[in-house]
Structure formats: structure tokens, C-alpha cells
């Protein structure tokens, strides 16, 4: 409805629910290490792990180039 391309969507999240939603939707997922989760972010199974929002643009660029 907003005119975006769902094929270019990327989830950014901090929990197993965010990663699960991304996988269910067939989209890549960037996991933040500074969010709200009991599971260590590196163990959540995201495609890219970032430690600050300053890394977000580069992470998106890497995923788009895949």
C-alpha cells in the first residue's frame, strides 16, 4: 500500500520472534546486539549482526548486493 517493493524488504530486530517473522516472510534479517533478548544476539540466526545503528547502512548494502 505504501508503494514499496516487498522483495527488497529487510527485517531489523533483536529477538527470536523478529528473526522468525523474517524467515516466515522470506526476507533477510539484521540482528542488533543491543536489543531486548534473553538469547545472545549472535545465536539468533540472523543474516547480519550489528552492534550499533551506525553499522545499519553498511549491513543493508551487504544484504542488497546478495
PDB file of N, CA and C in Angstrom:
ATOM      1  N   UNK A   1       0.819  -1.194   0.000  1.00  0.00           N
ATOM      2  CA  UNK A   1       0.000   0.000   0.000  1.00  0.00           C
ATOM      3  C   UNK A   1       0.867   1.263   0.000  1.00  0.00           C
ATOM      4  N   UNK A   2       2.055   1.171   0.593  1.00  0.00           N
ATOM      5  CA  UNK A   2       2.932   2.338   0.650  1.00  0.00           C
ATOM      6  C   UNK A   2       3.760   2.483  -0.619  1.00  0.00           C
ATOM      7  N   UNK A   3       3.681   1.491  -1.508  1.00  0.00           N
ATOM      8  CA  UNK A   3       4.396   1.585  -2.769  1.00  0.00           C
ATOM      9  C   UNK A   3       5.791   0.996  -2.745  1.00  0.00           C
ATOM     10  N   UNK A   4       6.171   0.350  -1.656  1.00  0.00           N
ATOM     11  CA  UNK A   4       7.492  -0.271  -1.577  1.00  0.00           C
ATOM     12  C   UNK A   4       7.527  -1.609  -2.303  1.00  0.00           C
ATOM     13  N   UNK A   5       8.704  -2.138  -2.459  1.00  0.00           N
ATOM     14  CA  UNK A   5       8.907  -3.431  -3.106  1.00  0.00           C
ATOM     15  C   UNK A   5       9.156  -4.474  -2.025  1.00  0.00           C
ATOM     16  N   UNK A   6       8.205  -5.362  -1.751  1.00  0.00           N
ATOM     17  CA  UNK A   6       8.382  -6.369  -0.703  1.00  0.00           C
ATOM     18  C   UNK A   6       9.611  -7.246  -0.921  1.00  0.00           C
ATOM     19  N   UNK A   7      10.026  -7.395  -2.159  1.00  0.00           N
ATOM     20  CA  UNK A   7      11.213  -8.187  -2.452  1.00  0.00           C
ATOM     21  C   UNK A   7      12.505  -7.550  -1.975  1.00  0.00           C
ATOM     22  N   UNK A   8      12.434  -6.295  -1.600  1.00  0.00           N
ATOM     23  CA  UNK A   8      13.616  -5.578  -1.097  1.00  0.00           C
ATOM     24  C   UNK A   8      13.509  -5.291   0.395  1.00  0.00           C
ATOM     25  N   UNK A   9      12.538  -5.906   1.065  1.00  0.00           N
ATOM     26  CA  UNK A   9      12.332  -5.674   2.497  1.00  0.00           C
ATOM     27  C   UNK A   9      13.393  -6.406   3.312  1.00  0.00           C
ATOM     28  N   UNK A  10      13.782  -5.803   4.419  1.00  0.00           N
ATOM     29  CA  UNK A  10      14.737  -6.387   5.351  1.00  0.00           C
ATOM     30  C   UNK A  10      14.213  -6.142   6.765  1.00  0.00           C
ATOM     31  N   UNK A  11      14.168  -7.194   7.571  1.00  0.00           N
ATOM     32  CA  UNK A  11      13.777  -7.066   8.973  1.00  0.00           C
ATOM     33  C   UNK A  11      14.987  -6.632   9.783  1.00  0.00           C
ATOM     34  N   UNK A  12      14.779  -5.712  10.693  1.00  0.00           N
ATOM     35  CA  UNK A  12      15.800  -5.341  11.665  1.00  0.00           C
ATOM     36  C   UNK A  12      15.190  -5.621  13.025  1.00  0.00           C
ATOM     37  N   UNK A  13      15.833  -6.496  13.802  1.00  0.00           N
ATOM     38  CA  UNK A  13      15.240  -6.867  15.073  1.00  0.00           C
ATOM     39  C   UNK A  13      16.259  -7.312  16.090  1.00  0.00           C
ATOM     40  N   UNK A  14      15.726  -7.703  17.249  1.00  0.00           N
ATOM     41  CA  UNK A  14      16.599  -8.046  18.368  1.00  0.00           C
ATOM     42  C   UNK A  14      16.125  -9.282  19.136  1.00  0.00           C
ATOM     43  N   UNK A  15      15.240 -10.061  18.532  1.00  0.00           N
ATOM     44  CA  UNK A  15      14.720 -11.224  19.253  1.00  0.00           C
ATOM     45  C   UNK A  15      14.477 -12.400  18.312  1.00  0.00           C
ATOM     46  N   UNK A  16      14.260 -13.567  18.904  1.00  0.00           N
ATOM     47  CA  UNK A  16      13.960 -14.744  18.093  1.00  0.00           C
ATOM     48  C   UNK A  16      12.648 -14.568  17.334  1.00  0.00           C
ATOM     49  N   UNK A  17      11.759 -13.763  17.862  1.00  0.00           N
ATOM     50  CA  UNK A  17      10.485 -13.516  17.181  1.00  0.00           C
ATOM     51  C   UNK A  17      10.683 -12.691  15.915  1.00  0.00           C
ATOM     52  N   UNK A  18      11.587 -11.735  15.975  1.00  0.00           N
ATOM     53  CA  UNK A  18      11.897 -10.929  14.793  1.00  0.00           C
ATOM     54  C   UNK A  18      12.535 -11.787  13.702  1.00  0.00           C
ATOM     55  N   UNK A  19      13.487 -12.621  14.092  1.00  0.00           N
ATOM     56  CA  UNK A  19      14.135 -13.500  13.122  1.00  0.00           C
ATOM     57  C   UNK A  19      13.123 -14.491  12.559  1.00  0.00           C
ATOM     58  N   UNK A  20      12.267 -15.040  13.419  1.00  0.00           N
ATOM     59  CA  UNK A  20      11.238 -15.974  12.965  1.00  0.00           C
ATOM     60  C   UNK A  20      10.272 -15.333  11.989  1.00  0.00           C
ATOM     61  N   UNK A  21       9.882 -14.095  12.266  1.00  0.00           N
ATOM     62  CA  UNK A  21       8.972 -13.387  11.361  1.00  0.00           C
ATOM     63  C   UNK A  21       9.635 -13.135  10.016  1.00  0.00           C
ATOM     64  N   UNK A  22      10.905 -12.765  10.038  1.00  0.00           N
ATOM     65  CA  UNK A  22      11.634 -12.534   8.792  1.00  0.00           C
ATOM     66  C   UNK A  22      11.717 -13.824   7.981  1.00  0.00           C
ATOM     67  N   UNK A  23      12.038 -14.915   8.632  1.00  0.00           N
ATOM     68  CA  UNK A  23      12.135 -16.199   7.933  1.00  0.00           C
ATOM     69  C   UNK A  23      10.776 -16.611   7.357  1.00  0.00           C
ATOM     70  N   UNK A  24       9.717 -16.425   8.125  1.00  0.00           N
ATOM     71  CA  UNK A  24       8.373 -16.779   7.653  1.00  0.00           C
ATOM     72  C   UNK A  24       7.968 -15.937   6.444  1.00  0.00           C
ATOM     73  N   UNK A  25       8.453 -14.705   6.393  1.00  0.00           N
ATOM     74  CA  UNK A  25       8.136 -13.808   5.281  1.00  0.00           C
ATOM     75  C   UNK A  25       9.122 -13.951   4.130  1.00  0.00           C
ATOM     76  N   UNK A  26      10.169 -14.764   4.321  1.00  0.00           N
ATOM     77  CA  UNK A  26      11.153 -14.960   3.257  1.00  0.00           C
ATOM     78  C   UNK A  26      12.071 -13.778   3.043  1.00  0.00           C
ATOM     79  N   UNK A  27      12.343 -13.034   4.101  1.00  0.00           N
ATOM     80  CA  UNK A  27      13.206 -11.864   3.956  1.00  0.00           C
ATOM     81  C   UNK A  27      14.441 -11.994   4.838  1.00  0.00           C
ATOM     82  N   UNK A  28      15.515 -11.310   4.466  1.00  0.00           N
ATOM     83  CA  UNK A  28      16.715 -11.331   5.298  1.00  0.00           C
ATOM     84  C   UNK A  28      16.485 -10.571   6.601  1.00  0.00           C
ATOM     85  N   UNK A  29      17.366 -10.841   7.575  1.00  0.00           N
ATOM     86  CA  UNK A  29      17.203 -10.236   8.889  1.00  0.00           C
ATOM     87  C   UNK A  29      18.535  -9.734   9.426  1.00  0.00           C
ATOM     88  N   UNK A  30      18.523  -8.494   9.864  1.00  0.00           N
ATOM     89  CA  UNK A  30      19.657  -7.900  10.560  1.00  0.00           C
ATOM     90  C   UNK A  30      19.323  -7.940  12.044  1.00  0.00           C
ATOM     91  N   UNK A  31      20.214  -8.516  12.837  1.00  0.00           N
ATOM     92  CA  UNK A  31      20.001  -8.608  14.275  1.00  0.00           C
ATOM     93  C   UNK A  31      20.883  -7.580  14.976  1.00  0.00           C
ATOM     94  N   UNK A  32      20.298  -6.903  15.961  1.00  0.00           N
ATOM     95  CA  UNK A  32      21.052  -5.943  16.757  1.00  0.00           C
ATOM     96  C   UNK A  32      21.504  -6.597  18.052  1.00  0.00           C
ATOM     97  N   UNK A  33      22.749  -6.356  18.427  1.00  0.00           N
ATOM     98  CA  UNK A  33      23.281  -6.932  19.666  1.00  0.00           C
ATOM     99  C   UNK A  33      22.893  -6.110  20.881  1.00  0.00           C
ATOM    100  N   UNK A  34      22.278  -4.970  20.663  1.00  0.00           N
ATOM    101  CA  UNK A  34      21.979  -4.044  21.756  1.00  0.00           C
ATOM    102  C   UNK A  34      20.480  -3.967  22.054  1.00  0.00           C
ATOM    103  N   UNK A  35      19.772  -5.012  21.708  1.00  0.00           N
ATOM    104  CA  UNK A  35      18.325  -5.002  21.898  1.00  0.00           C
ATOM    105  C   UNK A  35      17.876  -5.768  23.121  1.00  0.00           C
ATOM    106  N   UNK A  36      16.623  -6.151  23.082  1.00  0.00           N
ATOM    107  CA  UNK A  36      15.962  -6.824  24.189  1.00  0.00           C
ATOM    108  C   UNK A  36      15.810  -8.297  23.855  1.00  0.00           C
ATOM    109  N   UNK A  37      16.694  -9.121  24.356  1.00  0.00           N
ATOM    110  CA  UNK A  37      16.606 -10.553  24.111  1.00  0.00           C
ATOM    111  C   UNK A  37      17.334 -11.309  25.209  1.00  0.00           C
ATOM    112  N   UNK A  38      16.809 -12.459  25.562  1.00  0.00           N
ATOM    113  CA  UNK A  38      17.480 -13.310  26.541  1.00  0.00           C
ATOM    114  C   UNK A  38      18.507 -14.211  25.857  1.00  0.00           C
ATOM    115  N   UNK A  39      18.339 -14.438  24.558  1.00  0.00           N
ATOM    116  CA  UNK A  39      19.257 -15.255  23.776  1.00  0.00           C
ATOM    117  C   UNK A  39      20.354 -14.340  23.232  1.00  0.00           C
ATOM    118  N   UNK A  40      21.610 -14.741  23.320  1.00  0.00           N
ATOM    119  CA  UNK A  40      22.665 -13.895  22.741  1.00  0.00           C
ATOM    120  C   UNK A  40      22.382 -13.609  21.264  1.00  0.00           C
ATOM    121  N   UNK A  41      22.538 -12.369  20.877  1.00  0.00           N
ATOM    122  CA  UNK A  41      22.196 -11.951  19.512  1.00  0.00           C
ATOM    123  C   UNK A  41      22.906 -12.785  18.461  1.00  0.00           C
ATOM    124  N   UNK A  42      24.147 -13.179  18.715  1.00  0.00           N
ATOM    125  CA  UNK A  42      24.903 -13.968  17.740  1.00  0.00           C
ATOM    126  C   UNK A  42      24.290 -15.343  17.521  1.00  0.00           C
ATOM    127  N   UNK A  43      23.454 -15.794  18.443  1.00  0.00           N
ATOM    128  CA  UNK A  43      22.830 -17.118  18.349  1.00  0.00           C
ATOM    129  C   UNK A  43      21.412 -17.085  17.766  1.00  0.00           C
ATOM    130  N   UNK A  44      20.933 -15.921  17.393  1.00  0.00           N
ATOM    131  CA  UNK A  44      19.552 -15.802  16.909  1.00  0.00           C
ATOM    132  C   UNK A  44      19.369 -16.263  15.464  1.00  0.00           C
ATOM    133  N   UNK A  45      20.457 -16.343  14.704  1.00  0.00           N
ATOM    134  CA  UNK A  45      20.349 -16.844  13.340  1.00  0.00           C
ATOM    135  C   UNK A  45      20.046 -15.800  12.289  1.00  0.00           C
ATOM    136  N   UNK A  46      20.326 -14.553  12.579  1.00  0.00           N
ATOM    137  CA  UNK A  46      20.136 -13.513  11.575  1.00  0.00           C
ATOM    138  C   UNK A  46      21.191 -13.607  10.482  1.00  0.00           C
ATOM    139  N   UNK A  47      20.983 -12.850   9.437  1.00  0.00           N
ATOM    140  CA  UNK A  47      21.929 -12.833   8.324  1.00  0.00           C
ATOM    141  C   UNK A  47      23.121 -11.935   8.608  1.00  0.00           C
ATOM    142  N   UNK A  48      22.888 -10.875   9.359  1.00  0.00           N
ATOM    143  CA  UNK A  48      23.936  -9.920   9.711  1.00  0.00           C
ATOM    144  C   UNK A  48      23.706  -9.503  11.159  1.00  0.00           C
ATOM    145  N   UNK A  49      24.785  -9.344  11.908  1.00  0.00           N
ATOM    146  CA  UNK A  49      24.722  -8.875  13.286  1.00  0.00           C
ATOM    147  C   UNK A  49      25.389  -7.513  13.343  1.00  0.00           C
ATOM    148  N   UNK A  50      24.707  -6.534  13.931  1.00  0.00           N
ATOM    149  CA  UNK A  50      25.298  -5.208  14.099  1.00  0.00           C
ATOM    150  C   UNK A  50      25.334  -4.858  15.584  1.00  0.00           C
ATOM    151  N   UNK A  51      26.321  -4.033  15.945  1.00  0.00           N
ATOM    152  CA  UNK A  51      26.498  -3.621  17.330  1.00  0.00           C
ATOM    153  C   UNK A  51      26.068  -2.185  17.583  1.00  0.00           C
ATOM    154  N   UNK A  52      25.714  -1.458  16.524  1.00  0.00           N
ATOM    155  CA  UNK A  52      25.201  -0.086  16.666  1.00  0.00           C
ATOM    156  C   UNK A  52      24.449   0.285  15.389  1.00  0.00           C
ATOM    157  N   UNK A  53      23.592   1.279  15.502  1.00  0.00           N
ATOM    158  CA  UNK A  53      22.859   1.721  14.313  1.00  0.00           C
ATOM    159  C   UNK A  53      23.783   2.350  13.277  1.00  0.00           C
ATOM    160  N   UNK A  54      24.968   2.749  13.693  1.00  0.00           N
ATOM    161  CA  UNK A  54      25.935   3.292  12.738  1.00  0.00           C
ATOM    162  C   UNK A  54      26.332   2.245  11.701  1.00  0.00           C
ATOM    163  N   UNK A  55      26.167   0.968  12.011  1.00  0.00           N
ATOM    164  CA  UNK A  55      26.517  -0.126  11.108  1.00  0.00           C
ATOM    165  C   UNK A  55      25.353  -0.532  10.196  1.00  0.00           C
ATOM    166  N   UNK A  56      24.188   0.037  10.416  1.00  0.00           N
ATOM    167  CA  UNK A  56      22.988  -0.413   9.715  1.00  0.00           C
ATOM    168  C   UNK A  56      23.059  -0.210   8.204  1.00  0.00           C
ATOM    169  N   UNK A  57      23.480   0.946   7.767  1.00  0.00           N
ATOM    170  CA  UNK A  57      23.511   1.210   6.325  1.00  0.00           C
ATOM    171  C   UNK A  57      24.425   0.227   5.594  1.00  0.00           C
ATOM    172  N   UNK A  58      25.600  -0.036   6.151  1.00  0.00           N
ATOM    173  CA  UNK A  58      26.512  -0.997   5.527  1.00  0.00           C
ATOM    174  C   UNK A  58      25.919  -2.401   5.520  1.00  0.00           C
ATOM    175  N   UNK A  59      25.234  -2.781   6.604  1.00  0.00           N
ATOM    176  CA  UNK A  59      24.604  -4.108   6.667  1.00  0.00           C
ATOM    177  C   UNK A  59      23.534  -4.243   5.603  1.00  0.00           C
ATOM    178  N   UNK A  60      22.742  -3.208   5.421  1.00  0.00           N
ATOM    179  CA  UNK A  60      21.700  -3.229   4.381  1.00  0.00           C
ATOM    180  C   UNK A  60      22.340  -3.352   3.005  1.00  0.00           C
ATOM    181  N   UNK A  61      23.375  -2.569   2.765  1.00  0.00           N
ATOM    182  CA  UNK A  61      24.075  -2.635   1.470  1.00  0.00           C
ATOM    183  C   UNK A  61      24.585  -4.038   1.198  1.00  0.00           C
ATOM    184  N   UNK A  62      25.157  -4.700   2.198  1.00  0.00           N
ATOM    185  CA  UNK A  62      25.669  -6.062   2.011  1.00  0.00           C
ATOM    186  C   UNK A  62      24.547  -7.019   1.646  1.00  0.00           C
ATOM    187  N   UNK A  63      23.399  -6.880   2.301  1.00  0.00           N
ATOM    188  CA  UNK A  63      22.279  -7.791   2.019  1.00  0.00           C
ATOM    189  C   UNK A  63      21.686  -7.535   0.642  1.00  0.00           C
ATOM    190  N   UNK A  64      21.609  -6.306   0.235  1.00  0.00           N
ATOM    191  CA  UNK A  64      21.032  -5.965  -1.069  1.00  0.00           C
ATOM    192  C   UNK A  64      21.911  -6.495  -2.203  1.00  0.00           C
ATOM    193  N   UNK A  65      23.231  -6.510  -1.990  1.00  0.00           N
ATOM    194  CA  UNK A  65      24.156  -6.980  -3.032  1.00  0.00           C
ATOM    195  C   UNK A  65      24.127  -8.495  -3.209  1.00  0.00           C
ATOM    196  N   UNK A  66      23.526  -9.223  -2.292  1.00  0.00           N
ATOM    197  CA  UNK A  66      23.483 -10.695  -2.399  1.00  0.00           C
ATOM    198  C   UNK A  66      22.723 -11.119  -3.607  1.00  0.00           C
TER     199      UNK A  66
END
